[in-house]
């Protein structure tokens, strides 16, 4: 098994002020919407000034299986 890390950094449009998000709420929403086939293992969210950083760790049998899980159009996009 392989553990694949995907990093996301979300920020609002520059015309809007950024608000700090509740990291527990963000991780709860991700866990609640993930299907067992997505194979999530760990989810971490860290709000910082002006953006929200998220780290997703997905379980995969091999690197080829894991690759489509984190590209545009994949499970988490």
Protein backbone atom coordinates (compact mmCIF):
# COMPACT_ATOMS: atom_id res chain seq x y z
CA UNK A 1 0.00 0.00 0.00
CA UNK A 2 1.04 3.56 -0.69
CA UNK A 3 0.01 6.72 1.11
CA UNK A 4 -0.28 9.64 -1.28
CA UNK A 5 -0.29 13.22 -0.02
CA UNK A 6 -2.19 15.93 -1.88
CA UNK A 7 -1.80 19.56 -0.83
CA UNK A 8 -4.43 22.20 -1.51
CA UNK A 9 -4.20 25.90 -0.82
CA UNK A 10 -7.47 27.81 -1.12
CA UNK A 11 -7.74 31.59 -1.12
CA UNK A 12 -10.63 33.98 -1.82
CA UNK A 13 -10.72 36.43 -4.73
CA UNK A 14 -8.57 39.47 -3.97
CA UNK A 15 -11.62 41.77 -3.91
CA UNK A 16 -13.04 39.93 -0.89
CA UNK A 17 -11.56 39.96 2.60
CA UNK A 18 -10.35 36.59 3.80
CA UNK A 19 -11.84 34.99 6.90
CA UNK A 20 -10.21 32.32 9.01
CA UNK A 21 -12.06 29.03 8.60
CA UNK A 22 -12.68 26.55 11.40
CA UNK A 23 -10.28 23.71 10.61
CA UNK A 24 -12.46 21.16 12.42
CA UNK A 25 -15.46 22.12 10.30
CA UNK A 26 -13.41 21.82 7.10
CA UNK A 27 -12.08 18.37 7.99
CA UNK A 28 -15.55 17.21 9.08
CA UNK A 29 -17.03 18.27 5.73
CA UNK A 30 -14.30 16.43 3.81
CA UNK A 31 -14.78 13.25 5.88
CA UNK A 32 -18.59 13.47 5.54
CA UNK A 33 -18.44 13.76 1.75
CA UNK A 34 -15.71 11.19 1.10
CA UNK A 35 -16.83 7.81 -0.21
CA UNK A 36 -15.10 4.60 0.93
CA UNK A 37 -13.78 4.19 -2.63
CA UNK A 38 -11.89 7.49 -2.22
CA UNK A 39 -9.78 5.72 0.43
CA UNK A 40 -9.02 8.74 2.62
CA UNK A 41 -6.61 7.99 5.45
CA UNK A 42 -5.89 11.40 7.02
CA UNK A 43 -7.18 14.94 6.48
CA UNK A 44 -5.54 18.04 7.93
CA UNK A 45 -6.65 21.65 7.47
CA UNK A 46 -4.77 24.73 8.61
CA UNK A 47 -6.30 28.19 8.30
CA UNK A 48 -3.80 31.02 7.93
CA UNK A 49 -4.27 34.67 7.15
CA UNK A 50 -5.66 34.92 3.62
CA UNK A 51 -5.86 31.20 2.80
CA UNK A 52 -6.75 27.68 3.89
CA UNK A 53 -4.19 24.91 3.53
CA UNK A 54 -5.44 21.31 3.32
CA UNK A 55 -3.40 18.10 3.26
CA UNK A 56 -5.17 14.93 2.11
CA UNK A 57 -3.60 11.51 2.52
CA UNK A 58 -5.14 8.82 0.31
CA UNK A 59 -4.45 5.10 0.39
CA UNK A 60 -3.54 3.41 -2.88
CA UNK A 61 -2.31 -0.05 -3.82
CA UNK A 62 0.42 1.38 -6.05
CA UNK A 63 1.55 4.75 -7.53
CA UNK A 64 -0.40 4.18 -10.75
CA UNK A 65 -3.64 3.77 -8.81
CA UNK A 66 -2.93 6.85 -6.73
CA UNK A 67 -2.05 9.26 -9.55
CA UNK A 68 -5.58 9.90 -10.89
CA UNK A 69 -6.87 10.62 -7.39
CA UNK A 70 -5.23 14.02 -7.15
CA UNK A 71 -5.30 15.52 -10.62
CA UNK A 72 -7.99 17.87 -12.01
CA UNK A 73 -11.19 15.94 -12.53
CA UNK A 74 -10.20 13.38 -9.90
CA UNK A 75 -11.97 12.41 -6.70
CA UNK A 76 -10.98 15.44 -4.60
CA UNK A 77 -11.20 18.24 -7.15
